[in-house]
PDB file of N, CA and C in Angstrom:
ATOM      1  N   MET A   1       0.833  -1.182   0.000  1.00  0.00           N
ATOM      2  CA  MET A   1       0.000   0.000   0.000  1.00  0.00           C
ATOM      3  C   MET A   1       0.885   1.257   0.000  1.00  0.00           C
ATOM      4  N   ILE A   2       0.568   2.223  -0.837  1.00  0.00           N
ATOM      5  CA  ILE A   2       1.335   3.454  -0.946  1.00  0.00           C
ATOM      6  C   ILE A   2       0.788   4.476   0.042  1.00  0.00           C
ATOM      7  N   GLU A   3       1.710   5.100   0.794  1.00  0.00           N
ATOM      8  CA  GLU A   3       1.307   6.126   1.752  1.00  0.00           C
ATOM      9  C   GLU A   3       0.732   7.341   1.039  1.00  0.00           C
ATOM     10  N   LYS A   4      -0.146   8.080   1.737  1.00  0.00           N
ATOM     11  CA  LYS A   4      -0.725   9.303   1.182  1.00  0.00           C
ATOM     12  C   LYS A   4       0.376  10.315   0.851  1.00  0.00           C
ATOM     13  N   ASN A   5       1.368  10.452   1.742  1.00  0.00           N
ATOM     14  CA  ASN A   5       2.475  11.372   1.519  1.00  0.00           C
ATOM     15  C   ASN A   5       3.232  11.015   0.234  1.00  0.00           C
ATOM     16  N   GLU A   6       3.423   9.725  -0.001  1.00  0.00           N
ATOM     17  CA  GLU A   6       4.116   9.272  -1.213  1.00  0.00           C
ATOM     18  C   GLU A   6       3.284   9.583  -2.453  1.00  0.00           C
ATOM     19  N   LEU A   7       1.966   9.434  -2.356  1.00  0.00           N
ATOM     20  CA  LEU A   7       1.094   9.783  -3.477  1.00  0.00           C
ATOM     21  C   LEU A   7       1.216  11.263  -3.818  1.00  0.00           C
ATOM     22  N   SER A   8       1.253  12.117  -2.799  1.00  0.00           N
ATOM     23  CA  SER A   8       1.350  13.548  -3.067  1.00  0.00           C
ATOM     24  C   SER A   8       2.696  13.895  -3.695  1.00  0.00           C
ATOM     25  N   LYS A   9       3.774  13.224  -3.300  1.00  0.00           N
ATOM     26  CA  LYS A   9       5.082  13.441  -3.935  1.00  0.00           C
ATOM     27  C   LYS A   9       5.033  13.019  -5.398  1.00  0.00           C
ATOM     28  N   ASN A  10       4.389  11.887  -5.666  1.00  0.00           N
ATOM     29  CA  ASN A  10       4.278  11.423  -7.051  1.00  0.00           C
ATOM     30  C   ASN A  10       3.444  12.384  -7.892  1.00  0.00           C
ATOM     31  N   GLU A  11       2.375  12.916  -7.316  1.00  0.00           N
ATOM     32  CA  GLU A  11       1.556  13.915  -8.016  1.00  0.00           C
ATOM     33  C   GLU A  11       2.365  15.176  -8.289  1.00  0.00           C
ATOM     34  N   LEU A  12       3.119  15.606  -7.301  1.00  0.00           N
ATOM     35  CA  LEU A  12       3.966  16.786  -7.453  1.00  0.00           C
ATOM     36  C   LEU A  12       4.971  16.568  -8.580  1.00  0.00           C
ATOM     37  N   LEU A  13       5.645  15.433  -8.574  1.00  0.00           N
ATOM     38  CA  LEU A  13       6.603  15.105  -9.647  1.00  0.00           C
ATOM     39  C   LEU A  13       5.930  15.113 -11.016  1.00  0.00           C
ATOM     40  N   LYS A  14       4.786  14.488 -11.085  1.00  0.00           N
ATOM     41  CA  LYS A  14       4.046  14.402 -12.348  1.00  0.00           C
ATOM     42  C   LYS A  14       3.740  15.793 -12.902  1.00  0.00           C
ATOM     43  N   HIS A  15       3.284  16.698 -12.051  1.00  0.00           N
ATOM     44  CA  HIS A  15       2.901  18.029 -12.515  1.00  0.00           C
ATOM     45  C   HIS A  15       4.106  18.929 -12.760  1.00  0.00           C
ATOM     46  N   VAL A  16       5.209  18.688 -12.055  1.00  0.00           N
ATOM     47  CA  VAL A  16       6.452  19.393 -12.380  1.00  0.00           C
ATOM     48  C   VAL A  16       6.861  19.045 -13.808  1.00  0.00           C
ATOM     49  N   VAL A  17       6.851  17.765 -14.133  1.00  0.00           N
ATOM     50  CA  VAL A  17       7.238  17.321 -15.479  1.00  0.00           C
ATOM     51  C   VAL A  17       6.258  17.855 -16.527  1.00  0.00           C
ATOM     52  N   GLU A  18       4.968  17.876 -16.220  1.00  0.00           N
ATOM     53  CA  GLU A  18       3.987  18.443 -17.155  1.00  0.00           C
ATOM     54  C   GLU A  18       4.275  19.914 -17.426  1.00  0.00           C
ATOM     55  N   GLY A  19       4.624  20.657 -16.379  1.00  0.00           N
ATOM     56  CA  GLY A  19       4.965  22.062 -16.550  1.00  0.00           C
ATOM     57  C   GLY A  19       6.189  22.247 -17.436  1.00  0.00           C
ATOM     58  N   ILE A  20       7.161  21.355 -17.298  1.00  0.00           N
ATOM     59  CA  ILE A  20       8.360  21.405 -18.143  1.00  0.00           C
ATOM     60  C   ILE A  20       7.988  21.076 -19.584  1.00  0.00           C
ATOM     61  N   HIS A  21       7.202  20.036 -19.774  1.00  0.00           N
ATOM     62  CA  HIS A  21       6.770  19.663 -21.126  1.00  0.00           C
ATOM     63  C   HIS A  21       5.974  20.787 -21.788  1.00  0.00           C
ATOM     64  N   GLU A  22       5.152  21.470 -20.990  1.00  0.00           N
ATOM     65  CA  GLU A  22       4.298  22.546 -21.515  1.00  0.00           C
ATOM     66  C   GLU A  22       5.094  23.609 -22.267  1.00  0.00           C
ATOM     67  N   LYS A  23       6.310  23.879 -21.805  1.00  0.00           N
ATOM     68  CA  LYS A  23       7.155  24.913 -22.432  1.00  0.00           C
ATOM     69  C   LYS A  23       8.366  24.319 -23.148  1.00  0.00           C
ATOM     70  N   LYS A  24       8.237  23.025 -23.512  1.00  0.00           N
ATOM     71  CA  LYS A  24       9.243  22.341 -24.328  1.00  0.00           C
ATOM     72  C   LYS A  24      10.633  22.281 -23.687  1.00  0.00           C
ATOM     73  N   GLY A  25      10.671  22.042 -22.370  1.00  0.00           N
ATOM     74  CA  GLY A  25      11.947  21.817 -21.696  1.00  0.00           C
ATOM     75  C   GLY A  25      12.601  20.551 -22.215  1.00  0.00           C
ATOM     76  N   LYS A  26      13.908  20.503 -22.154  1.00  0.00           N
ATOM     77  CA  LYS A  26      14.671  19.385 -22.728  1.00  0.00           C
ATOM     78  C   LYS A  26      15.483  18.661 -21.653  1.00  0.00           C
ATOM     79  N   ASN A  27      15.906  17.451 -21.996  1.00  0.00           N
ATOM     80  CA  ASN A  27      16.822  16.655 -21.171  1.00  0.00           C
ATOM     81  C   ASN A  27      16.370  16.585 -19.722  1.00  0.00           C
ATOM     82  N   ILE A  28      15.151  16.123 -19.521  1.00  0.00           N
ATOM     83  CA  ILE A  28      14.557  16.036 -18.190  1.00  0.00           C
ATOM     84  C   ILE A  28      15.075  14.777 -17.496  1.00  0.00           C
ATOM     85  N   ASN A  29      15.543  14.957 -16.276  1.00  0.00           N
ATOM     86  CA  ASN A  29      16.060  13.851 -15.489  1.00  0.00           C
ATOM     87  C   ASN A  29      15.486  13.957 -14.077  1.00  0.00           C
ATOM     88  N   THR A  30      14.916  12.871 -13.564  1.00  0.00           N
ATOM     89  CA  THR A  30      14.503  12.846 -12.164  1.00  0.00           C
ATOM     90  C   THR A  30      15.475  11.945 -11.415  1.00  0.00           C
ATOM     91  N   ILE A  31      15.846  12.381 -10.228  1.00  0.00           N
ATOM     92  CA  ILE A  31      16.779  11.613  -9.402  1.00  0.00           C
ATOM     93  C   ILE A  31      16.119  11.379  -8.054  1.00  0.00           C
ATOM     94  N   GLU A  32      15.951  10.108  -7.705  1.00  0.00           N
ATOM     95  CA  GLU A  32      15.317   9.749  -6.438  1.00  0.00           C
ATOM     96  C   GLU A  32      16.392   9.673  -5.360  1.00  0.00           C
ATOM     97  N   LEU A  33      16.289  10.559  -4.364  1.00  0.00           N
ATOM     98  CA  LEU A  33      17.289  10.653  -3.306  1.00  0.00           C
ATOM     99  C   LEU A  33      16.804  10.093  -1.976  1.00  0.00           C
ATOM    100  N   LYS A  34      15.568   9.591  -1.950  1.00  0.00           N
ATOM    101  CA  LYS A  34      15.018   9.033  -0.708  1.00  0.00           C
ATOM    102  C   LYS A  34      15.963   7.981  -0.144  1.00  0.00           C
ATOM    103  N   GLY A  35      16.247   8.097   1.149  1.00  0.00           N
ATOM    104  CA  GLY A  35      17.056   7.089   1.821  1.00  0.00           C
ATOM    105  C   GLY A  35      18.560   7.252   1.635  1.00  0.00           C
ATOM    106  N   ILE A  36      18.983   8.263   0.900  1.00  0.00           N
ATOM    107  CA  ILE A  36      20.417   8.476   0.683  1.00  0.00           C
ATOM    108  C   ILE A  36      20.924   9.473   1.728  1.00  0.00           C
ATOM    109  N   SER A  37      21.957   9.079   2.441  1.00  0.00           N
ATOM    110  CA  SER A  37      22.516   9.911   3.504  1.00  0.00           C
ATOM    111  C   SER A  37      22.971  11.264   2.956  1.00  0.00           C
ATOM    112  N   GLY A  38      22.571  12.325   3.637  1.00  0.00           N
ATOM    113  CA  GLY A  38      22.979  13.672   3.252  1.00  0.00           C
ATOM    114  C   GLY A  38      22.094  14.340   2.214  1.00  0.00           C
ATOM    115  N   ALA A  39      21.097  13.637   1.709  1.00  0.00           N
ATOM    116  CA  ALA A  39      20.198  14.216   0.707  1.00  0.00           C
ATOM    117  C   ALA A  39      19.292  15.256   1.361  1.00  0.00           C
ATOM    118  N   VAL A  40      19.089  16.366   0.668  1.00  0.00           N
ATOM    119  CA  VAL A  40      18.283  17.468   1.209  1.00  0.00           C
ATOM    120  C   VAL A  40      16.808  17.355   0.832  1.00  0.00           C
ATOM    121  N   CYS A  41      16.474  16.428  -0.040  1.00  0.00           N
ATOM    122  CA  CYS A  41      15.087  16.245  -0.470  1.00  0.00           C
ATOM    123  C   CYS A  41      14.920  14.805  -0.935  1.00  0.00           C
ATOM    124  N   ASP A  42      13.713  14.456  -1.355  1.00  0.00           N
ATOM    125  CA  ASP A  42      13.453  13.104  -1.853  1.00  0.00           C
ATOM    126  C   ASP A  42      13.719  12.973  -3.352  1.00  0.00           C
ATOM    127  N   TYR A  43      13.519  14.080  -4.094  1.00  0.00           N
ATOM    128  CA  TYR A  43      13.693  14.034  -5.547  1.00  0.00           C
ATOM    129  C   TYR A  43      14.317  15.329  -6.051  1.00  0.00           C
ATOM    130  N   PHE A  44      15.175  15.203  -7.033  1.00  0.00           N
ATOM    131  CA  PHE A  44      15.632  16.313  -7.869  1.00  0.00           C
ATOM    132  C   PHE A  44      14.970  16.131  -9.221  1.00  0.00           C
ATOM    133  N   VAL A  45      14.532  17.221  -9.822  1.00  0.00           N
ATOM    134  CA  VAL A  45      14.127  17.208 -11.228  1.00  0.00           C
ATOM    135  C   VAL A  45      15.043  18.220 -11.899  1.00  0.00           C
ATOM    136  N   ILE A  46      15.751  17.776 -12.934  1.00  0.00           N
ATOM    137  CA  ILE A  46      16.720  18.619 -13.626  1.00  0.00           C
ATOM    138  C   ILE A  46      16.332  18.675 -15.090  1.00  0.00           C
ATOM    139  N   CYS A  47      16.327  19.887 -15.651  1.00  0.00           N
ATOM    140  CA  CYS A  47      16.019  20.042 -17.067  1.00  0.00           C
ATOM    141  C   CYS A  47      16.730  21.278 -17.590  1.00  0.00           C
ATOM    142  N   GLU A  48      16.523  21.563 -18.863  1.00  0.00           N
ATOM    143  CA  GLU A  48      17.158  22.745 -19.438  1.00  0.00           C
ATOM    144  C   GLU A  48      16.270  23.412 -20.467  1.00  0.00           C
ATOM    145  N   GLY A  49      16.534  24.705 -20.606  1.00  0.00           N
ATOM    146  CA  GLY A  49      15.917  25.520 -21.649  1.00  0.00           C
ATOM    147  C   GLY A  49      17.029  26.142 -22.469  1.00  0.00           C
ATOM    148  N   ASN A  50      16.738  26.503 -23.711  1.00  0.00           N
ATOM    149  CA  ASN A  50      17.772  26.984 -24.627  1.00  0.00           C
ATOM    150  C   ASN A  50      18.228  28.417 -24.372  1.00  0.00           C
ATOM    151  N   THR A  51      17.361  29.239 -23.789  1.00  0.00           N
ATOM    152  CA  THR A  51      17.659  30.653 -23.576  1.00  0.00           C
ATOM    153  C   THR A  51      17.184  31.057 -22.187  1.00  0.00           C
ATOM    154  N   PRO A  52      17.676  32.190 -21.658  1.00  0.00           N
ATOM    155  CA  PRO A  52      17.145  32.659 -20.371  1.00  0.00           C
ATOM    156  C   PRO A  52      15.627  32.871 -20.410  1.00  0.00           C
ATOM    157  N   THR A  53      15.103  33.309 -21.531  1.00  0.00           N
ATOM    158  CA  THR A  53      13.650  33.491 -21.651  1.00  0.00           C
ATOM    159  C   THR A  53      12.921  32.164 -21.480  1.00  0.00           C
ATOM    160  N   GLN A  54      13.435  31.101 -22.111  1.00  0.00           N
ATOM    161  CA  GLN A  54      12.801  29.790 -21.972  1.00  0.00           C
ATOM    162  C   GLN A  54      12.985  29.246 -20.555  1.00  0.00           C
ATOM    163  N   VAL A  55      14.162  29.431 -19.955  1.00  0.00           N
ATOM    164  CA  VAL A  55      14.384  28.978 -18.576  1.00  0.00           C
ATOM    165  C   VAL A  55      13.354  29.625 -17.652  1.00  0.00           C
ATOM    166  N   SER A  56      13.138  30.920 -17.803  1.00  0.00           N
ATOM    167  CA  SER A  56      12.147  31.638 -16.997  1.00  0.00           C
ATOM    168  C   SER A  56      10.738  31.121 -17.266  1.00  0.00           C
ATOM    169  N   ALA A  57      10.412  30.890 -18.536  1.00  0.00           N
ATOM    170  CA  ALA A  57       9.085  30.378 -18.898  1.00  0.00           C
ATOM    171  C   ALA A  57       8.863  28.982 -18.322  1.00  0.00           C
ATOM    172  N   LEU A  58       9.892  28.158 -18.295  1.00  0.00           N
ATOM    173  CA  LEU A  58       9.791  26.821 -17.710  1.00  0.00           C
ATOM    174  C   LEU A  58       9.464  26.907 -16.217  1.00  0.00           C
ATOM    175  N   ALA A  59      10.155  27.796 -15.516  1.00  0.00           N
ATOM    176  CA  ALA A  59       9.895  27.961 -14.083  1.00  0.00           C
ATOM    177  C   ALA A  59       8.469  28.449 -13.846  1.00  0.00           C
ATOM    178  N   ASP A  60       8.026  29.404 -14.639  1.00  0.00           N
ATOM    179  CA  ASP A  60       6.647  29.911 -14.497  1.00  0.00           C
ATOM    180  C   ASP A  60       5.634  28.810 -14.765  1.00  0.00           C
ATOM    181  N   SER A  61       5.896  27.987 -15.776  1.00  0.00           N
ATOM    182  CA  SER A  61       4.985  26.909 -16.138  1.00  0.00           C
ATOM    183  C   SER A  61       4.917  25.851 -15.036  1.00  0.00           C
ATOM    184  N   VAL A  62       6.072  25.485 -14.478  1.00  0.00           N
ATOM    185  CA  VAL A  62       6.092  24.513 -13.380  1.00  0.00           C
ATOM    186  C   VAL A  62       5.299  25.059 -12.193  1.00  0.00           C
ATOM    187  N   GLU A  63       5.551  26.315 -11.847  1.00  0.00           N
ATOM    188  CA  GLU A  63       4.861  26.912 -10.702  1.00  0.00           C
ATOM    189  C   GLU A  63       3.348  26.920 -10.917  1.00  0.00           C
ATOM    190  N   LYS A  64       2.916  27.299 -12.110  1.00  0.00           N
ATOM    191  CA  LYS A  64       1.486  27.353 -12.427  1.00  0.00           C
ATOM    192  C   LYS A  64       0.857  25.952 -12.412  1.00  0.00           C
ATOM    193  N   MET A  65       1.521  24.994 -13.048  1.00  0.00           N
ATOM    194  CA  MET A  65       0.983  23.632 -13.152  1.00  0.00           C
ATOM    195  C   MET A  65       0.855  22.989 -11.771  1.00  0.00           C
ATOM    196  N   VAL A  66       1.867  23.159 -10.938  1.00  0.00           N
ATOM    197  CA  VAL A  66       1.820  22.562  -9.593  1.00  0.00           C
ATOM    198  C   VAL A  66       0.751  23.248  -8.745  1.00  0.00           C
ATOM    199  N   LEU A  67       0.668  24.559  -8.814  1.00  0.00           N
ATOM    200  CA  LEU A  67      -0.340  25.281  -8.029  1.00  0.00           C
ATOM    201  C   LEU A  67      -1.753  24.864  -8.434  1.00  0.00           C
ATOM    202  N   GLU A  68      -2.010  24.786  -9.731  1.00  0.00           N
ATOM    203  CA  GLU A  68      -3.347  24.430 -10.223  1.00  0.00           C
ATOM    204  C   GLU A  68      -3.739  22.999  -9.885  1.00  0.00           C
ATOM    205  N   ASN A  69      -2.779  22.076  -9.900  1.00  0.00           N
ATOM    206  CA  ASN A  69      -3.105  20.658  -9.757  1.00  0.00           C
ATOM    207  C   ASN A  69      -2.833  20.069  -8.383  1.00  0.00           C
ATOM    208  N   VAL A  70      -1.905  20.652  -7.645  1.00  0.00           N
ATOM    209  CA  VAL A  70      -1.540  20.118  -6.332  1.00  0.00           C
ATOM    210  C   VAL A  70      -1.833  21.135  -5.223  1.00  0.00           C
ATOM    211  N   GLY A  71      -1.954  22.406  -5.606  1.00  0.00           N
ATOM    212  CA  GLY A  71      -2.250  23.444  -4.634  1.00  0.00           C
ATOM    213  C   GLY A  71      -1.044  23.894  -3.827  1.00  0.00           C
ATOM    214  N   GLU A  72       0.163  23.623  -4.328  1.00  0.00           N
ATOM    215  CA  GLU A  72       1.382  23.999  -3.605  1.00  0.00           C
ATOM    216  C   GLU A  72       2.144  25.068  -4.361  1.00  0.00           C
ATOM    217  N   ARG A  73       2.744  25.973  -3.586  1.00  0.00           N
ATOM    218  CA  ARG A  73       3.672  26.972  -4.127  1.00  0.00           C
ATOM    219  C   ARG A  73       5.077  26.570  -3.680  1.00  0.00           C
ATOM    220  N   PRO A  74       6.091  26.952  -4.433  1.00  0.00           N
ATOM    221  CA  PRO A  74       7.447  26.632  -3.971  1.00  0.00           C
ATOM    222  C   PRO A  74       7.769  27.386  -2.684  1.00  0.00           C
ATOM    223  N   LEU A  75       8.546  26.749  -1.825  1.00  0.00           N
ATOM    224  CA  LEU A  75       8.990  27.397  -0.596  1.00  0.00           C
ATOM    225  C   LEU A  75       9.951  28.534  -0.928  1.00  0.00           C
ATOM    226  N   ARG A  76      10.798  28.300  -1.917  1.00  0.00           N
ATOM    227  CA  ARG A  76      11.768  29.289  -2.377  1.00  0.00           C
ATOM    228  C   ARG A  76      12.004  29.100  -3.873  1.00  0.00           C
ATOM    229  N   VAL A  77      12.303  30.220  -4.535  1.00  0.00           N
ATOM    230  CA  VAL A  77      12.723  30.197  -5.938  1.00  0.00           C
ATOM    231  C   VAL A  77      13.950  31.097  -6.030  1.00  0.00           C
ATOM    232  N   HIS A  78      15.028  30.567  -6.571  1.00  0.00           N
ATOM    233  CA  HIS A  78      16.266  31.333  -6.727  1.00  0.00           C
ATOM    234  C   HIS A  78      16.673  31.379  -8.190  1.00  0.00           C
ATOM    235  N   GLY A  79      17.244  32.500  -8.603  1.00  0.00           N
ATOM    236  CA  GLY A  79      17.840  32.606  -9.924  1.00  0.00           C
ATOM    237  C   GLY A  79      16.970  33.221 -10.998  1.00  0.00           C
ATOM    238  N   LYS A  80      15.783  33.705 -10.650  1.00  0.00           N
ATOM    239  CA  LYS A  80      14.886  34.246 -11.677  1.00  0.00           C
ATOM    240  C   LYS A  80      15.439  35.504 -12.345  1.00  0.00           C
ATOM    241  N   GLN A  81      16.272  36.269 -11.638  1.00  0.00           N
ATOM    242  CA  GLN A  81      16.775  37.518 -12.217  1.00  0.00           C
ATOM    243  C   GLN A  81      17.606  37.259 -13.474  1.00  0.00           C
ATOM    244  N   ASN A  82      18.545  36.335 -13.402  1.00  0.00           N
ATOM    245  CA  ASN A  82      19.404  36.037 -14.556  1.00  0.00           C
ATOM    246  C   ASN A  82      18.826  34.941 -15.443  1.00  0.00           C
ATOM    247  N   ALA A  83      18.030  34.078 -14.857  1.00  0.00           N
ATOM    248  CA  ALA A  83      17.377  32.968 -15.573  1.00  0.00           C
ATOM    249  C   ALA A  83      18.373  32.109 -16.351  1.00  0.00           C
ATOM    250  N   GLU A  84      19.521  31.860 -15.720  1.00  0.00           N
ATOM    251  CA  GLU A  84      20.497  30.928 -16.298  1.00  0.00           C
ATOM    252  C   GLU A  84      20.424  29.583 -15.584  1.00  0.00           C
ATOM    253  N   TRP A  85      20.066  29.640 -14.302  1.00  0.00           N
ATOM    254  CA  TRP A  85      19.838  28.456 -13.472  1.00  0.00           C
ATOM    255  C   TRP A  85      18.810  28.867 -12.437  1.00  0.00           C
ATOM    256  N   ILE A  86      17.636  28.300 -12.520  1.00  0.00           N
ATOM    257  CA  ILE A  86      16.572  28.593 -11.552  1.00  0.00           C
ATOM    258  C   ILE A  86      16.357  27.349 -10.699  1.00  0.00           C
ATOM    259  N   GLY A  87      16.399  27.542  -9.385  1.00  0.00           N
ATOM    260  CA  GLY A  87      16.113  26.466  -8.443  1.00  0.00           C
ATOM    261  C   GLY A  87      14.779  26.727  -7.775  1.00  0.00           C
ATOM    262  N   MET A  88      13.931  25.707  -7.750  1.00  0.00           N
ATOM    263  CA  MET A  88      12.611  25.807  -7.132  1.00  0.00           C
ATOM    264  C   MET A  88      12.511  24.731  -6.055  1.00  0.00           C
ATOM    265  N   ASP A  89      12.290  25.152  -4.822  1.00  0.00           N
ATOM    266  CA  ASP A  89      12.255  24.244  -3.683  1.00  0.00           C
ATOM    267  C   ASP A  89      10.819  23.987  -3.261  1.00  0.00           C
ATOM    268  N   TYR A  90      10.370  22.753  -3.460  1.00  0.00           N
ATOM    269  CA  TYR A  90       9.041  22.338  -3.012  1.00  0.00           C
ATOM    270  C   TYR A  90       9.132  21.446  -1.763  1.00  0.00           C
ATOM    271  N   GLY A  91      10.243  21.519  -1.052  1.00  0.00           N
ATOM    272  CA  GLY A  91      10.418  20.693   0.145  1.00  0.00           C
ATOM    273  C   GLY A  91      10.931  19.322  -0.205  1.00  0.00           C
ATOM    274  N   SER A  92      10.045  18.427  -0.563  1.00  0.00           N
ATOM    275  CA  SER A  92      10.450  17.060  -0.899  1.00  0.00           C
ATOM    276  C   SER A  92      10.976  16.941  -2.330  1.00  0.00           C
ATOM    277  N   VAL A  93      10.707  17.951  -3.154  1.00  0.00           N
ATOM    278  CA  VAL A  93      11.147  17.956  -4.553  1.00  0.00           C
ATOM    279  C   VAL A  93      11.834  19.293  -4.837  1.00  0.00           C
ATOM    280  N   ILE A  94      13.036  19.226  -5.403  1.00  0.00           N
ATOM    281  CA  ILE A  94      13.746  20.433  -5.821  1.00  0.00           C
ATOM    282  C   ILE A  94      13.918  20.369  -7.331  1.00  0.00           C
ATOM    283  N   VAL A  95      13.514  21.448  -7.997  1.00  0.00           N
ATOM    284  CA  VAL A  95      13.561  21.536  -9.460  1.00  0.00           C
ATOM    285  C   VAL A  95      14.721  22.448  -9.841  1.00  0.00           C
ATOM    286  N   HIS A  96      15.558  21.975 -10.758  1.00  0.00           N
ATOM    287  CA  HIS A  96      16.682  22.758 -11.294  1.00  0.00           C
ATOM    288  C   HIS A  96      16.441  22.949 -12.786  1.00  0.00           C
ATOM    289  N   ILE A  97      16.399  24.203 -13.220  1.00  0.00           N
ATOM    290  CA  ILE A  97      16.204  24.516 -14.638  1.00  0.00           C
ATOM    291  C   ILE A  97      17.428  25.305 -15.095  1.00  0.00           C
ATOM    292  N   PHE A  98      18.168  24.746 -16.041  1.00  0.00           N
ATOM    293  CA  PHE A  98      19.455  25.293 -16.456  1.00  0.00           C
ATOM    294  C   PHE A  98      19.473  25.729 -17.914  1.00  0.00           C
ATOM    295  N   LEU A  99      20.399  26.624 -18.231  1.00  0.00           N
ATOM    296  CA  LEU A  99      20.880  26.758 -19.598  1.00  0.00           C
ATOM    297  C   LEU A  99      21.835  25.583 -19.814  1.00  0.00           C
ATOM    298  N   PRO A 100      21.921  25.033 -21.042  1.00  0.00           N
ATOM    299  CA  PRO A 100      22.747  23.832 -21.264  1.00  0.00           C
ATOM    300  C   PRO A 100      24.202  23.972 -20.807  1.00  0.00           C
ATOM    301  N   GLU A 101      24.831  25.123 -21.068  1.00  0.00           N
ATOM    302  CA  GLU A 101      26.246  25.259 -20.709  1.00  0.00           C
ATOM    303  C   GLU A 101      26.454  25.261 -19.192  1.00  0.00           C
ATOM    304  N   LEU A 102      25.517  25.814 -18.431  1.00  0.00           N
ATOM    305  CA  LEU A 102      25.638  25.779 -16.968  1.00  0.00           C
ATOM    306  C   LEU A 102      25.348  24.396 -16.418  1.00  0.00           C
ATOM    307  N   ARG A 103      24.409  23.706 -17.027  1.00  0.00           N
ATOM    308  CA  ARG A 103      24.136  22.336 -16.588  1.00  0.00           C
ATOM    309  C   ARG A 103      25.373  21.476 -16.790  1.00  0.00           C
ATOM    310  N   ASN A 104      26.017  21.618 -17.929  1.00  0.00           N
ATOM    311  CA  ASN A 104      27.250  20.853 -18.179  1.00  0.00           C
ATOM    312  C   ASN A 104      28.344  21.234 -17.184  1.00  0.00           C
ATOM    313  N   PHE A 105      28.467  22.518 -16.875  1.00  0.00           N
ATOM    314  CA  PHE A 105      29.500  22.991 -15.964  1.00  0.00           C
ATOM    315  C   PHE A 105      29.307  22.423 -14.555  1.00  0.00           C
ATOM    316  N   TYR A 106      28.095  22.530 -14.009  1.00  0.00           N
ATOM    317  CA  TYR A 106      27.838  22.081 -12.636  1.00  0.00           C
ATOM    318  C   TYR A 106      27.622  20.577 -12.533  1.00  0.00           C
ATOM    319  N   ASN A 107      27.102  19.957 -13.578  1.00  0.00           N
ATOM    320  CA  ASN A 107      26.964  18.509 -13.683  1.00  0.00           C
ATOM    321  C   ASN A 107      26.325  17.867 -12.441  1.00  0.00           C
ATOM    322  N   ILE A 108      25.250  18.471 -11.940  1.00  0.00           N
ATOM    323  CA  ILE A 108      24.623  17.937 -10.725  1.00  0.00           C
ATOM    324  C   ILE A 108      23.895  16.623 -10.970  1.00  0.00           C
ATOM    325  N   ASP A 109      23.687  16.279 -12.237  1.00  0.00           N
ATOM    326  CA  ASP A 109      23.044  14.994 -12.543  1.00  0.00           C
ATOM    327  C   ASP A 109      23.842  13.823 -11.968  1.00  0.00           C
ATOM    328  N   LEU A 110      25.156  14.014 -11.812  1.00  0.00           N
ATOM    329  CA  LEU A 110      26.012  12.906 -11.372  1.00  0.00           C
ATOM    330  C   LEU A 110      26.486  13.023  -9.924  1.00  0.00           C
ATOM    331  N   LEU A 111      25.913  13.955  -9.154  1.00  0.00           N
ATOM    332  CA  LEU A 111      26.334  14.100  -7.760  1.00  0.00           C
ATOM    333  C   LEU A 111      26.046  12.855  -6.931  1.00  0.00           C
ATOM    334  N   TRP A 112      24.921  12.227  -7.158  1.00  0.00           N
ATOM    335  CA  TRP A 112      24.541  11.041  -6.401  1.00  0.00           C
ATOM    336  C   TRP A 112      24.505   9.846  -7.343  1.00  0.00           C
ATOM    337  N   GLN A 113      25.650   9.249  -7.541  1.00  0.00           N
ATOM    338  CA  GLN A 113      25.749   8.125  -8.474  1.00  0.00           C
ATOM    339  C   GLN A 113      24.997   6.890  -7.978  1.00  0.00           C
ATOM    340  N   ASP A 114      24.761   6.815  -6.658  1.00  0.00           N
ATOM    341  CA  ASP A 114      24.043   5.659  -6.125  1.00  0.00           C
ATOM    342  C   ASP A 114      22.532   5.873  -6.105  1.00  0.00           C
ATOM    343  N   ALA A 115      22.073   7.031  -6.578  1.00  0.00           N
ATOM    344  CA  ALA A 115      20.634   7.322  -6.627  1.00  0.00           C
ATOM    345  C   ALA A 115      20.036   6.766  -7.920  1.00  0.00           C
ATOM    346  N   ARG A 116      18.733   6.532  -7.871  1.00  0.00           N
ATOM    347  CA  ARG A 116      18.022   6.055  -9.062  1.00  0.00           C
ATOM    348  C   ARG A 116      17.650   7.262  -9.912  1.00  0.00           C
ATOM    349  N   ALA A 117      18.157   7.287 -11.141  1.00  0.00           N
ATOM    350  CA  ALA A 117      17.863   8.387 -12.065  1.00  0.00           C
ATOM    351  C   ALA A 117      16.972   7.868 -13.188  1.00  0.00           C
ATOM    352  N   VAL A 118      16.015   8.697 -13.583  1.00  0.00           N
ATOM    353  CA  VAL A 118      15.109   8.353 -14.680  1.00  0.00           C
ATOM    354  C   VAL A 118      15.110   9.491 -15.684  1.00  0.00           C
ATOM    355  N   ARG A 119      15.483   9.186 -16.913  1.00  0.00           N
ATOM    356  CA  ARG A 119      15.457  10.158 -18.004  1.00  0.00           C
ATOM    357  C   ARG A 119      14.043  10.184 -18.564  1.00  0.00           C
ATOM    358  N   ILE A 120      13.460  11.360 -18.664  1.00  0.00           N
ATOM    359  CA  ILE A 120      12.102  11.515 -19.187  1.00  0.00           C
ATOM    360  C   ILE A 120      12.204  12.098 -20.580  1.00  0.00           C
ATOM    361  N   PRO A 121      11.613  11.457 -21.562  1.00  0.00           N
ATOM    362  CA  PRO A 121      11.719  11.961 -22.943  1.00  0.00           C
ATOM    363  C   PRO A 121      11.121  13.361 -23.084  1.00  0.00           C
ATOM    364  N   SER A 122      11.800  14.173 -23.880  1.00  0.00           N
ATOM    365  CA  SER A 122      11.291  15.513 -24.198  1.00  0.00           C
ATOM    366  C   SER A 122      10.157  15.390 -25.200  1.00  0.00           C
ATOM    367  N   ILE A 123       9.271  16.368 -25.183  1.00  0.00           N
ATOM    368  CA  ILE A 123       8.205  16.432 -26.182  1.00  0.00           C
ATOM    369  C   ILE A 123       8.645  17.445 -27.225  1.00  0.00           C
ATOM    370  N   ASP A 124       8.746  17.014 -28.459  1.00  0.00           N
ATOM    371  CA  ASP A 124       9.200  17.932 -29.522  1.00  0.00           C
ATOM    372  C   ASP A 124       8.036  18.412 -30.361  1.00  0.00           C
TER     373      ASP A 124
END
């Protein structure tokens, strides 16, 4: 039996990804950090947009989609001014939206090699 809390995390993840798809975000990766020592959340969602305008639009879309479907607002949002890397903290889920060159530079996809990562196909 799945706990109610786990269902809400899955719903949150689902709507984060829908928000990314809505604005044609690319290279979407979810990383499950539950049970890993030192992890600050249960899931990372990492994606990218081609320009600062798209990165900003992706963050707005995620925020709107999650609010409409789950009723949650992010606890914090960082990076909207430059829109090169926007971090959105939903507590159990942290969303990272990058420009491709910054994503390659920071390479956070590989920080937790023992975590379960799932690549989500982009919608073209």
